[in-house]
Structure formats: C-alpha cells, structure tokens
Amino acid sequence: MRIQQLEAGSVKYGYYTGDIQVANVKITEAAFNMVQYHTDHRYNIDYFADKLQSGNKKAGGKTNISISELQIINSQFTLEREDKKWDKRGMDYDHLRVKHINLLVRNIKADGDAVHAGIKKLSADEQSGFILSNLKGNVAYFPDHLEVKNLDILTPHSHVGNYIKFSYHSRAAIDDFIDSMTMNSTLTNSSVSFKDLHFFAPTLLNKTDDVLLSATYSGTVSNMSVTGLDMLYGDSSHIKGKFTMKGLPFIGDTRINAKMLDSHTSIAAIEKLFPEAKMPKELNKFGQIHLSAIFTGYINDFVAFGDFKTQLGNIKSDVNIKLNDDNSKSTYSGSIALNDMDLFGLTGIKQLGRVTMNGSIKEGIGFTRQSMRAIVDASIQHIDLNGYPFRNLTVNGKLADEFFKGKLTAADTNLHMIFSGGVNFRPAIPEFDFNASIANANLHALHISDDSLSVS
C-alpha cells in the first residue's frame, strides 16, 4: 500500500475495549495492491486481517473500528495472482488494474468479521476499458457474503438497481467466480447494455444493444435462475416469464429451460441476441411473433411447446427442432396445429394458400422448399390448393424433393374420394399420378378442368 496524502480527524481509542473511532479520513493518490504469490494461496491482505481479528489481547475481544466519513481521491487498486496467465478478453479477474478511484463512504463500522458502510459515491475505470461512472448503496460485508441494498450503478451505457448479494464459502470463490460465487439480485427498471456486459462475458463482444429489464436472479453464472422477468430488447421484443440456464459462459453448451408468457419478438431479434442460434432465413417470414410458450433444451437443439401468433398465421406446437449450419440438414419432429397459416408466404409454392390443420411431423428435415422432407399425418380442416378452398381432408404420407407421396381422404363438397399416389409440385401446374376411389368430383369447381366436368 502506498498513500501520497493522508488526512484524519479526531481519533478515539478505547483502552479496555480496543475500539477505535475516527471522525474523518481523506486519502489522496493511494495505491492498494492485493497479491497472491506463487508459493502461497493466501493473499497479502489476509495477514493484516488476521491481526485485526485477533483483537486486543488485554480486553480479550476483537477490535471494532468506526469511521464517520472516508474519502479516497484519484487512487488505484491492483489484484495480482502470479500463478495465473493473462487473459486480455474482457476483464481479467486474476489481473485487475483499477484506476481513477474516487470514493465517498459514510458510517463505516468494522465489528470483528463484519463491515457495514454507506457508499455515497464510487467511480473508477479498469484496464479492460470498463468505466464505472458511479455506484451508491448500503454495503454489508461478512466472511461468507457481501450484500448491497439500495444499489444504484451507473456507467456510460447502463443504469442498474436495486439489490445484490454475493455468497461464498471463502475468498477462494473469487478465483472460481463463474462456478463458485452465488448471486442473489433484484433488478428494477434497469437499463443494461451489452457494451458493458461484454467486459464481464467476452462471448457477448459482438452485441451492442440495450436491454431494459426487471427480474430476480439467483445462482452462479454457470447455473442461474431468473424469475419475474420483464425485458424490452431492440425495437420489437418484449419478453415476460422466467428461465434457468446451466452451462454458461459457453452458450452452445448451455441448457435452457424458459417459460414465456404474453411475450412478443421476431426471428431477427432472436438472431441478434443469440447469433449462435442458426435460424433458417425462411423463418424471418413469420415477422413479429406473439407467444406464450415453453422452451427446453439448447440454442440449437430444443423443444418448443406453446402458442405462436405470427404475421403468416397462428401455430400451436410441441416440436423438437435441431438447427444446423446448413439449413437443409436441420431436423424437426412433433405435433403441430396451424390456424389460417399462409403456406405460399412461407414456402413460395404458388399453388398453396392458407391452411388450418392439426397433425404430426416425423423425420422432418430441411426448411427450404428444395430440401424439405417429412412424414406427415394431418387432419386438414381447410387448405387453399391451386386456388380452391378444400375442406375436411386427411393426409398420410411423405414429402420429399417437392414431391408428395401417400394417401389422402377427402370429404369436401366438391370432392369425395380416397386418393393413393403422388403429387409433383415442381412444375408451375402440379402433376398428379394416383389411384383413386371417387364418389364425387367436380373438376371445374376444383380448378382442375376448364370445362364443366364432374366425375362419380
């Protein structure tokens, strides 16, 4: 420790109690160095703490210290763990260099192992580039936890409050912050920028947007739980609900369980927030999505269960989706219900219009028109096909290479039949190759023939 200038007010010392009372302390241009050497797992400050906690031997108690006001001006703090390599991605917790520290604290009370204080102002900047414009709050430090109430954090890009607690078995938890430091936090109307977060999580480096959120957080970085989430992101996303994440900081290996209620977002917003998610570009056609749903799994392998209202139509799903860098190899299976879905808007196949149906998809693969393959079992209440609104169809078959092969049962006003065969969607006008048992077919009404022709 090095101090350029130290000023102190009146000091009172209790000879029998060992208590120390200081009116005011002002420290200017100090350097505080916290070091863990190669040969010793303890920090240099531990030796000082041991002396302080051993207390006044005459009184047989511990030394209690109180300071009415502490002011630190233009100082710096260094934390150095000599056995750790430097990591220049974001903030390196093993090699901290904090400069331009300006601190104003009142009512400091060090009672044995516990320290209480009211931080009125704290500003600093770290070598990584992170800037703390101001921090305020009521701090309580104990050997096993650090708690800040009425927390108010301000940076050039973020404004966060209002409560946080760090729990740990020992100071060694700092060395394993991601897995060993348990946090409990309540954020209220907080504005958090990824421009700040990437200093603490370098994987977020390419994200720059702001998030406005309220939430309750508990757990470690690697195993967290968030409840009461109310988050605004970008221009089109409002997410409400709760989630758990296990596996950070490696987002691709992180298991996510999320429940979203009355939320809305878009595929473009999801891609911006999670560029690791390999979303097929065709899904952007859904536009703004309103949802109440449960997601379970990983960024690129998950189950989506819930209701989705899109600009193309509504979806109710219980589907497992596995995304691939090559969208033609992405897979999907499960049950799905579509309500007034615009198939032409989604697939680009001119012969298809809107559909209302429920059914199941097995062995689905590919999201493009050319790559799509799937085994389909569906009950179709309504579908526009070649300009005609078919009703009451049952379909069982396989779609591959823009060709459908299977069985179709129709109970439409202009078509009663059992169809077995195939439909080729590649030509401008679909080609049919089938055997059928037809009770009634009005070919003109079905837009199959220009002539007034019926078959029975």
Protein backbone atom coordinates (compact mmCIF):
# COMPACT_ATOMS: atom_id res chain seq x y z
CA MET A 1 0.00 0.00 0.00
CA ARG A 2 1.24 3.50 -0.88
CA ILE A 3 -0.51 6.75 0.09
CA GLN A 4 0.54 10.12 -1.29
CA GLN A 5 -1.50 12.13 1.23
CA LEU A 6 -3.48 11.12 4.32
CA GLU A 7 -5.66 13.38 6.42
CA ALA A 8 -7.58 12.26 9.51
CA GLY A 9 -9.86 13.92 12.01
CA SER A 10 -10.11 13.14 15.69
CA VAL A 11 -9.33 9.59 16.79
CA LYS A 12 -10.68 7.94 19.91
CA TYR A 13 -9.23 4.71 21.28
CA GLY A 14 -10.89 2.56 23.94
CA TYR A 15 -8.02 1.20 26.04
CA TYR A 16 -10.09 -1.56 27.64
CA THR A 17 -12.37 -2.35 24.68
CA GLY A 18 -9.82 -1.89 21.91
CA ASP A 19 -12.40 0.09 19.88
CA ILE A 20 -11.22 2.81 17.51
CA GLN A 21 -13.41 5.75 16.42
CA VAL A 22 -12.26 8.07 13.64
CA ALA A 23 -14.11 11.23 12.65
CA ASN A 24 -12.94 11.66 9.04
CA VAL A 25 -10.31 10.13 6.79
CA LYS A 26 -9.18 11.53 3.44
CA ILE A 27 -6.77 9.56 1.26
CA THR A 28 -5.31 11.07 -1.90
CA GLU A 29 -3.47 9.23 -4.71
CA ALA A 30 -3.14 5.90 -2.95
CA ALA A 31 -2.15 2.57 -4.46
CA PHE A 32 -3.65 -0.60 -2.96
CA ASN A 33 -2.03 -3.84 -4.09
CA MET A 34 -3.58 -7.25 -3.39
CA VAL A 35 -1.25 -10.08 -4.30
CA GLN A 36 -1.36 -13.86 -4.21
CA TYR A 37 2.18 -15.20 -4.61
CA HIS A 38 3.33 -18.34 -6.40
CA THR A 39 4.18 -20.16 -3.20
CA ASP A 40 1.19 -19.13 -1.09
CA HIS A 41 -2.54 -19.46 -1.79
CA ARG A 42 -3.29 -16.69 0.70
CA TYR A 43 -3.42 -13.02 -0.25
CA ASN A 44 -1.15 -10.46 1.40
CA ILE A 45 -4.22 -8.78 2.90
CA ASP A 46 -5.08 -11.98 4.82
CA TYR A 47 -2.17 -11.40 7.19
CA PHE A 48 -3.45 -7.92 8.00
CA ALA A 49 -6.99 -9.25 8.51
CA ASP A 50 -5.68 -11.91 10.92
CA LYS A 51 -4.03 -9.24 13.03
CA LEU A 52 -7.17 -7.13 13.04
CA GLN A 53 -9.44 -10.03 14.01
CA SER A 54 -7.11 -11.25 16.77
CA GLY A 55 -8.09 -8.05 18.63
CA ASN A 56 -6.93 -6.51 21.87
CA LYS A 57 -5.34 -9.25 23.94
CA LYS A 58 -5.81 -7.27 27.17
CA ALA A 59 -9.55 -7.00 26.65
CA GLY A 60 -9.80 -10.49 25.21
CA GLY A 61 -12.06 -9.18 22.42
CA LYS A 62 -11.90 -8.04 18.80
CA THR A 63 -11.06 -4.60 17.52
CA ASN A 64 -14.09 -2.60 16.43
CA ILE A 65 -13.42 0.32 14.11
CA SER A 66 -15.82 3.08 13.09
CA ILE A 67 -15.17 5.91 10.65
CA SER A 68 -17.67 8.72 10.20
CA GLU A 69 -16.52 9.52 6.68
CA LEU A 70 -13.91 8.06 4.31
CA GLN A 71 -12.90 9.82 1.13
CA ILE A 72 -10.50 8.32 -1.41
CA ILE A 73 -9.35 10.54 -4.28
CA ASN A 74 -7.70 9.58 -7.58
CA SER A 75 -6.35 6.25 -6.36
CA GLN A 76 -5.77 2.82 -7.83
CA PHE A 77 -6.25 -0.83 -6.94
CA THR A 78 -4.33 -3.84 -8.24
CA LEU A 79 -5.15 -7.51 -7.82
CA GLU A 80 -2.42 -9.87 -8.96
CA ARG A 81 -2.42 -13.67 -8.94
CA GLU A 82 1.08 -14.55 -10.01
CA ASP A 83 0.28 -18.16 -10.93
CA LYS A 84 -2.41 -17.20 -13.45
CA LYS A 85 -1.94 -16.37 -17.12
CA TRP A 86 -3.16 -13.07 -18.51
CA ASP A 87 -6.48 -13.07 -20.37
CA LYS A 88 -6.97 -9.97 -22.48
CA ARG A 89 -10.58 -10.83 -23.41
CA GLY A 90 -12.65 -8.51 -21.26
CA MET A 91 -11.99 -8.10 -17.55
CA ASP A 92 -9.28 -10.41 -16.20
CA TYR A 93 -10.25 -11.20 -12.59
CA ASP A 94 -6.75 -12.57 -11.91
CA HIS A 95 -5.00 -9.38 -13.03
CA LEU A 96 -7.19 -6.39 -12.17
CA ARG A 97 -5.93 -2.85 -12.70
CA VAL A 98 -8.43 -0.29 -11.45
CA LYS A 99 -7.52 3.39 -11.75
CA HIS A 100 -9.01 6.81 -11.05
CA ILE A 101 -10.84 5.53 -7.98
CA ASN A 102 -12.91 8.22 -6.30
CA LEU A 103 -14.87 7.07 -3.27
CA LEU A 104 -17.03 8.66 -0.61
CA VAL A 105 -18.23 6.39 2.22
CA ARG A 106 -20.03 7.30 5.43
CA ASN A 107 -20.79 5.48 8.68
CA ILE A 108 -18.20 2.73 8.33
CA LYS A 109 -18.36 0.17 11.11
CA ALA A 110 -15.94 -2.77 11.27
CA ASP A 111 -17.19 -5.05 14.03
CA GLY A 112 -14.90 -8.07 14.13
CA ASP A 113 -15.60 -10.05 10.95
CA ALA A 114 -18.39 -7.76 9.75
CA VAL A 115 -18.16 -4.40 7.98
CA HIS A 116 -21.09 -2.04 7.32
CA ALA A 117 -20.92 1.16 5.29
CA GLY A 118 -22.94 3.58 3.20
CA ILE A 119 -21.34 4.20 -0.19
CA LYS A 120 -22.38 7.64 -1.42
CA LYS A 121 -20.13 7.77 -4.48
CA LEU A 122 -17.74 5.40 -6.23
CA SER A 123 -16.27 5.91 -9.68
CA ALA A 124 -13.36 4.15 -11.40
CA ASP A 125 -12.15 2.60 -14.64
CA GLU A 126 -10.49 -0.75 -15.29
CA GLN A 127 -7.71 -1.59 -17.76
CA SER A 128 -10.16 -3.63 -19.90
CA GLY A 129 -11.95 -0.39 -20.77
CA PHE A 130 -14.88 -0.79 -18.37
CA ILE A 131 -15.92 2.52 -16.79
CA LEU A 132 -17.92 2.85 -13.58
CA SER A 133 -19.44 6.32 -13.56
CA ASN A 134 -21.00 5.98 -10.12
CA LEU A 135 -22.09 3.39 -7.57
CA LYS A 136 -24.20 4.01 -4.48
CA GLY A 137 -25.60 1.63 -1.87
CA ASN A 138 -25.60 0.33 1.69
CA VAL A 139 -22.93 -2.36 2.00
CA ALA A 140 -22.64 -5.19 4.50
CA TYR A 141 -19.60 -7.48 4.36
CA PHE A 142 -19.30 -10.79 6.22
CA PRO A 143 -16.80 -13.64 5.83
CA ASP A 144 -19.35 -15.63 3.81
CA HIS A 145 -21.24 -12.94 1.88
CA LEU A 146 -21.30 -9.37 0.59
CA GLU A 147 -24.64 -7.58 0.37
CA VAL A 148 -25.58 -4.22 -1.16
CA LYS A 149 -29.03 -2.73 -0.55
CA ASN A 150 -30.43 0.35 -2.32
CA LEU A 151 -27.92 -0.36 -5.07
CA ASP A 152 -27.57 2.18 -7.88
CA ILE A 153 -24.96 1.56 -10.59
CA LEU A 154 -24.32 4.00 -13.42
CA THR A 155 -22.00 3.52 -16.40
CA PRO A 156 -21.80 5.40 -19.72
CA HIS A 157 -24.21 2.83 -21.16
CA SER A 158 -26.16 1.23 -18.27
CA HIS A 159 -28.18 2.13 -15.19
CA VAL A 160 -28.83 -0.76 -12.78
CA GLY A 161 -30.51 -1.19 -9.37
CA ASN A 162 -31.52 -2.13 -6.69
CA TYR A 163 -30.19 -5.13 -4.69
CA ILE A 164 -27.38 -7.69 -4.96
CA LYS A 165 -25.81 -10.28 -2.69
CA PHE A 166 -22.68 -12.36 -3.30
CA SER A 167 -22.37 -15.54 -1.20
CA TYR A 168 -19.20 -17.63 -0.95
CA HIS A 169 -17.63 -20.24 1.31
CA SER A 170 -14.29 -18.45 1.28
CA ARG A 171 -12.40 -15.77 -0.58
CA ALA A 172 -11.17 -18.55 -2.86
CA ALA A 173 -14.58 -18.37 -4.56
CA ILE A 174 -13.33 -15.21 -6.27
CA ASP A 175 -10.79 -17.39 -8.06
CA ASP A 176 -13.63 -19.52 -9.43
CA PHE A 177 -16.21 -16.76 -9.83
CA ILE A 178 -18.30 -18.40 -12.58
CA ASP A 179 -18.92 -21.68 -10.72
CA SER A 180 -18.48 -20.81 -7.03
CA MET A 181 -19.85 -17.30 -6.47
CA THR A 182 -23.58 -17.40 -5.73
CA MET A 183 -25.52 -14.25 -6.52
CA ASN A 184 -28.97 -13.09 -5.50
CA SER A 185 -30.16 -9.94 -7.15
CA THR A 186 -33.29 -7.91 -7.74
CA LEU A 187 -33.23 -5.56 -10.72
CA THR A 188 -35.97 -2.97 -11.14
CA ASN A 189 -36.40 -0.94 -14.34
CA SER A 190 -32.73 -1.42 -15.09
CA SER A 191 -31.13 -0.49 -18.39
CA VAL A 192 -28.31 -2.91 -19.20
CA SER A 193 -26.10 -2.51 -22.26
CA PHE A 194 -24.16 -5.32 -23.90
CA LYS A 195 -21.44 -2.71 -24.38
CA ASP A 196 -20.85 -3.11 -20.62
CA LEU A 197 -21.68 -6.81 -20.26
CA HIS A 198 -19.03 -7.93 -22.75
CA PHE A 199 -16.29 -6.80 -20.32
CA PHE A 200 -17.53 -9.49 -17.91
CA ALA A 201 -18.52 -12.07 -20.57
CA PRO A 202 -16.28 -11.74 -23.66
CA THR A 203 -18.59 -14.01 -25.69
CA LEU A 204 -21.02 -11.06 -25.78
CA LEU A 205 -18.49 -8.85 -27.58
CA ASN A 206 -20.46 -8.58 -30.83
CA LYS A 207 -23.67 -7.49 -29.08
CA THR A 208 -24.18 -3.74 -28.59
CA ASP A 209 -27.89 -3.22 -27.88
CA ASP A 210 -29.51 -2.15 -24.64
CA VAL A 211 -31.92 -4.24 -22.58
CA LEU A 212 -34.48 -2.70 -20.22
CA LEU A 213 -35.42 -5.26 -17.59
CA SER A 214 -36.83 -6.10 -14.21
CA ALA A 215 -36.05 -9.54 -12.78
CA THR A 216 -34.97 -11.57 -9.77
CA TYR A 217 -31.72 -13.52 -10.23
CA SER A 218 -30.32 -16.35 -8.12
CA GLY A 219 -27.45 -18.83 -8.54
CA THR A 220 -23.99 -18.76 -10.09
CA VAL A 221 -23.08 -17.59 -13.58
CA SER A 222 -22.86 -21.21 -14.69
CA ASN A 223 -26.12 -22.30 -13.02
CA MET A 224 -28.64 -19.47 -12.78
CA SER A 225 -32.35 -18.97 -12.26
CA VAL A 226 -34.27 -15.85 -13.28
CA THR A 227 -37.88 -15.20 -12.25
CA GLY A 228 -40.22 -12.26 -12.68
CA LEU A 229 -38.55 -11.39 -15.98
CA ASP A 230 -39.91 -8.34 -17.82
CA MET A 231 -37.48 -7.44 -20.61
CA LEU A 232 -37.58 -5.00 -23.51
CA TYR A 233 -34.98 -5.65 -26.21
CA GLY A 234 -34.44 -3.86 -29.50
CA ASP A 235 -37.41 -2.41 -31.38
CA SER A 236 -39.63 -5.48 -31.43
CA SER A 237 -39.09 -7.69 -28.37
CA HIS A 238 -40.91 -7.71 -25.04
CA ILE A 239 -40.24 -10.91 -23.08
CA LYS A 240 -42.04 -11.82 -19.84
CA GLY A 241 -41.58 -15.03 -17.86
CA LYS A 242 -38.81 -17.00 -16.18
CA PHE A 243 -35.87 -19.22 -17.13
CA THR A 244 -32.94 -21.27 -15.92
CA MET A 245 -29.58 -21.63 -17.65
CA LYS A 246 -26.91 -24.21 -16.85
CA GLY A 247 -23.59 -24.25 -18.67
CA LEU A 248 -22.52 -20.63 -19.18
CA PRO A 249 -20.28 -18.99 -20.27
CA PHE A 250 -20.36 -21.40 -23.23
CA ILE A 251 -23.79 -20.62 -24.69
CA GLY A 252 -23.68 -23.50 -27.19
CA ASP A 253 -23.35 -26.00 -24.31
CA THR A 254 -25.86 -24.26 -22.05
CA ARG A 255 -29.14 -25.99 -21.23
CA ILE A 256 -32.05 -23.56 -21.11
CA ASN A 257 -35.49 -24.01 -19.60
CA ALA A 258 -37.65 -20.99 -20.33
CA LYS A 259 -41.32 -20.16 -19.86
CA MET A 260 -42.54 -17.10 -21.75
CA LEU A 261 -45.95 -15.54 -21.08
CA ASP A 262 -47.71 -12.98 -23.28
CA SER A 263 -44.45 -12.04 -24.99
CA HIS A 264 -43.54 -10.88 -28.47
CA THR A 265 -40.35 -10.94 -30.54
CA SER A 266 -39.08 -11.77 -34.03
CA ILE A 267 -36.61 -14.20 -35.55
CA ALA A 268 -34.37 -11.24 -36.46
CA ALA A 269 -34.32 -10.10 -32.82
CA ILE A 270 -33.52 -13.63 -31.60
CA GLU A 271 -30.66 -13.89 -34.08
CA LYS A 272 -29.28 -10.56 -32.92
CA LEU A 273 -29.45 -11.59 -29.27
CA PHE A 274 -28.17 -15.13 -29.92
CA PRO A 275 -26.11 -15.17 -33.13
CA GLU A 276 -25.06 -18.70 -32.17
CA ALA A 277 -28.61 -19.84 -32.98
CA LYS A 278 -28.57 -20.97 -36.61
CA MET A 279 -32.05 -19.80 -37.58
CA PRO A 280 -33.25 -20.63 -41.13
CA LYS A 281 -33.79 -17.41 -43.06
CA GLU A 282 -37.22 -18.68 -44.13
CA LEU A 283 -38.45 -18.22 -40.54
CA ASN A 284 -37.99 -14.45 -40.87
CA LYS A 285 -41.16 -14.55 -42.95
CA PHE A 286 -43.16 -15.02 -39.74
CA GLY A 287 -42.43 -11.38 -38.87
CA GLN A 288 -43.50 -10.26 -35.41
CA ILE A 289 -44.33 -13.26 -33.19
CA HIS A 290 -46.60 -13.12 -30.13
CA LEU A 291 -46.08 -16.14 -27.91
CA SER A 292 -46.88 -17.96 -24.72
CA ALA A 293 -44.55 -20.92 -24.75
CA ILE A 294 -42.08 -23.21 -23.01
CA PHE A 295 -38.61 -23.80 -24.49
CA THR A 296 -36.44 -26.63 -23.21
CA GLY A 297 -33.00 -27.61 -24.48
CA TYR A 298 -30.08 -25.84 -26.12
CA ILE A 299 -29.73 -22.94 -28.54
CA ASN A 300 -29.56 -25.33 -31.50
CA ASP A 301 -31.50 -28.32 -30.10
CA PHE A 302 -34.72 -27.53 -28.26
CA VAL A 303 -38.39 -28.38 -27.76
CA ALA A 304 -40.88 -25.57 -28.38
CA PHE A 305 -44.26 -26.08 -26.73
CA GLY A 306 -46.86 -23.33 -26.86
CA ASP A 307 -48.89 -20.86 -28.88
CA PHE A 308 -47.38 -18.56 -31.50
CA LYS A 309 -49.25 -15.83 -33.37
CA THR A 310 -47.33 -14.69 -36.45
CA GLN A 311 -47.90 -12.41 -39.43
CA LEU A 312 -48.45 -15.52 -41.58
CA GLY A 313 -50.88 -17.24 -39.19
CA ASN A 314 -51.08 -18.97 -35.83
CA ILE A 315 -49.18 -22.04 -34.61
CA LYS A 316 -49.66 -24.36 -31.67
CA SER A 317 -46.66 -26.66 -31.33
CA ASP A 318 -44.94 -29.39 -29.37
CA VAL A 319 -41.93 -29.80 -31.63
CA ASN A 320 -38.28 -30.78 -31.24
CA ILE A 321 -36.03 -28.72 -33.54
CA LYS A 322 -32.34 -29.37 -34.19
CA LEU A 323 -30.74 -26.49 -36.10
CA ASN A 324 -27.74 -26.98 -38.36
CA ASP A 325 -25.33 -24.53 -40.01
CA ASP A 326 -26.66 -25.98 -43.25
CA ASN A 327 -30.42 -25.34 -43.03
CA SER A 328 -31.09 -28.18 -45.45
CA LYS A 329 -29.85 -30.53 -42.67
CA SER A 330 -31.85 -29.03 -39.80
CA THR A 331 -34.34 -31.56 -38.40
CA TYR A 332 -37.72 -31.37 -36.64
CA SER A 333 -40.46 -33.66 -35.36
CA GLY A 334 -43.53 -33.46 -33.15
CA SER A 335 -47.13 -32.28 -33.22
CA ILE A 336 -48.32 -29.04 -34.70
CA ALA A 337 -51.57 -27.19 -35.32
CA LEU A 338 -51.85 -24.37 -37.86
CA ASN A 339 -54.65 -21.83 -37.93
CA ASP A 340 -55.08 -19.80 -41.13
CA MET A 341 -51.38 -20.18 -41.99
CA ASP A 342 -50.19 -18.63 -45.29
CA LEU A 343 -48.30 -21.51 -46.91
CA PHE A 344 -47.44 -19.54 -50.02
CA GLY A 345 -45.92 -16.77 -47.90
CA LEU A 346 -43.88 -19.38 -46.02
CA THR A 347 -42.81 -21.76 -48.83
CA GLY A 348 -43.12 -19.72 -52.02
CA ILE A 349 -45.14 -22.51 -53.68
CA LYS A 350 -47.74 -20.64 -55.75
CA GLN A 351 -50.26 -23.48 -55.70
CA LEU A 352 -50.53 -23.30 -51.91
CA GLY A 353 -52.65 -20.81 -49.99
CA ARG A 354 -53.88 -20.74 -46.40
CA VAL A 355 -54.33 -23.81 -44.24
CA THR A 356 -55.98 -24.74 -40.95
CA MET A 357 -54.95 -28.16 -39.69
CA ASN A 358 -53.56 -30.27 -36.89
CA GLY A 359 -51.23 -33.20 -37.18
CA SER A 360 -47.80 -34.66 -36.58
CA ILE A 361 -44.47 -34.47 -38.35
CA LYS A 362 -41.87 -37.24 -38.21
CA GLU A 363 -38.33 -37.30 -39.57
CA GLY A 364 -38.62 -33.70 -40.75
CA ILE A 365 -35.51 -32.28 -42.36
CA GLY A 366 -34.75 -29.02 -44.17
CA PHE A 367 -36.51 -25.66 -44.16
CA THR A 368 -36.13 -24.68 -47.80
CA ARG A 369 -38.60 -25.69 -50.48
CA GLN A 370 -35.99 -27.81 -52.24
CA SER A 371 -34.66 -29.55 -49.12
CA MET A 372 -37.85 -30.13 -47.14
CA ARG A 373 -38.57 -33.77 -46.29
CA ALA A 374 -41.07 -35.10 -43.75
CA ILE A 375 -43.54 -37.84 -42.89
CA VAL A 376 -46.88 -36.13 -42.34
CA ASP A 377 -50.10 -37.26 -40.66
CA ALA A 378 -52.64 -34.46 -40.67
CA SER A 379 -56.30 -33.63 -40.36
CA ILE A 380 -56.91 -30.59 -42.54
CA GLN A 381 -59.99 -28.53 -41.84
CA HIS A 382 -59.20 -26.08 -44.67
CA ILE A 383 -56.49 -25.63 -47.29
CA ASP A 384 -56.25 -23.46 -50.41
CA LEU A 385 -54.77 -25.63 -53.17
CA ASN A 386 -54.48 -24.45 -56.75
CA GLY A 387 -56.97 -21.69 -55.99
CA TYR A 388 -59.67 -23.92 -54.48
CA PRO A 389 -60.52 -23.96 -50.73
CA PHE A 390 -60.55 -27.69 -49.88
CA ARG A 391 -62.20 -28.75 -46.61
CA ASN A 392 -62.21 -31.90 -44.50
CA LEU A 393 -59.09 -33.67 -45.74
CA THR A 394 -56.99 -36.35 -44.06
CA VAL A 395 -53.39 -36.73 -45.26
CA ASN A 396 -50.89 -39.51 -44.51
CA GLY A 397 -47.69 -39.57 -46.49
CA LYS A 398 -44.19 -38.34 -47.18
CA LEU A 399 -42.97 -35.06 -48.66
CA ALA A 400 -39.54 -35.05 -50.31
CA ASP A 401 -37.91 -33.14 -53.16
CA GLU A 402 -41.11 -31.12 -53.76
CA PHE A 403 -43.00 -34.38 -54.26
CA PHE A 404 -45.73 -35.78 -52.03
CA LYS A 405 -46.50 -39.48 -51.96
CA GLY A 406 -49.14 -41.00 -49.74
CA LYS A 407 -52.85 -41.26 -49.03
CA LEU A 408 -55.46 -38.54 -48.98
CA THR A 409 -59.08 -38.88 -47.92
CA ALA A 410 -61.39 -36.04 -48.94
CA ALA A 411 -64.88 -35.23 -47.69
CA ASP A 412 -65.22 -31.86 -49.43
CA THR A 413 -68.43 -30.50 -51.01
CA ASN A 414 -66.92 -30.90 -54.47
CA LEU A 415 -64.69 -33.90 -53.77
CA HIS A 416 -65.40 -37.20 -52.04
CA MET A 417 -62.62 -39.67 -52.65
CA ILE A 418 -59.80 -41.83 -51.32
CA PHE A 419 -56.55 -40.91 -53.08
CA SER A 420 -53.39 -43.01 -53.16
CA GLY A 421 -50.43 -41.79 -55.16
CA GLY A 422 -48.26 -38.73 -55.64
CA VAL A 423 -48.27 -35.01 -56.44
CA ASN A 424 -45.30 -33.29 -58.08
CA PHE A 425 -45.09 -29.62 -57.01
CA ARG A 426 -42.05 -28.81 -59.14
CA PRO A 427 -43.92 -27.70 -62.33
CA ALA A 428 -45.93 -24.49 -62.45
CA ILE A 429 -49.04 -26.69 -62.59
CA PRO A 430 -48.80 -29.68 -60.21
CA GLU A 431 -48.64 -33.13 -61.78
CA PHE A 432 -50.76 -35.94 -60.30
CA ASP A 433 -50.05 -39.67 -60.50
CA PHE A 434 -52.52 -41.65 -58.41
CA ASN A 435 -55.18 -44.28 -58.00
CA ALA A 436 -58.41 -43.05 -56.51
CA SER A 437 -61.81 -44.24 -55.42
CA ILE A 438 -64.03 -41.27 -56.28
CA ALA A 439 -67.59 -40.89 -55.09
CA ASN A 440 -67.90 -37.36 -56.45
CA ALA A 441 -65.51 -34.85 -58.03
CA ASN A 442 -66.46 -31.51 -59.61
CA LEU A 443 -63.28 -30.95 -61.62
CA HIS A 444 -64.28 -27.49 -62.79
CA ALA A 445 -65.02 -26.28 -59.25
CA LEU A 446 -61.75 -27.81 -58.10
CA HIS A 447 -59.86 -25.79 -60.76
CA ILE A 448 -58.58 -28.99 -62.39
CA SER A 449 -60.53 -28.57 -65.63
CA ASP A 450 -61.80 -25.50 -67.50
CA ASP A 451 -64.80 -27.50 -68.68
CA SER A 452 -67.87 -28.16 -66.58
CA LEU A 453 -66.89 -31.71 -65.77
CA SER A 454 -67.85 -33.94 -62.88
CA VAL A 455 -66.71 -37.47 -62.08
CA SER A 456 -68.53 -40.01 -59.91
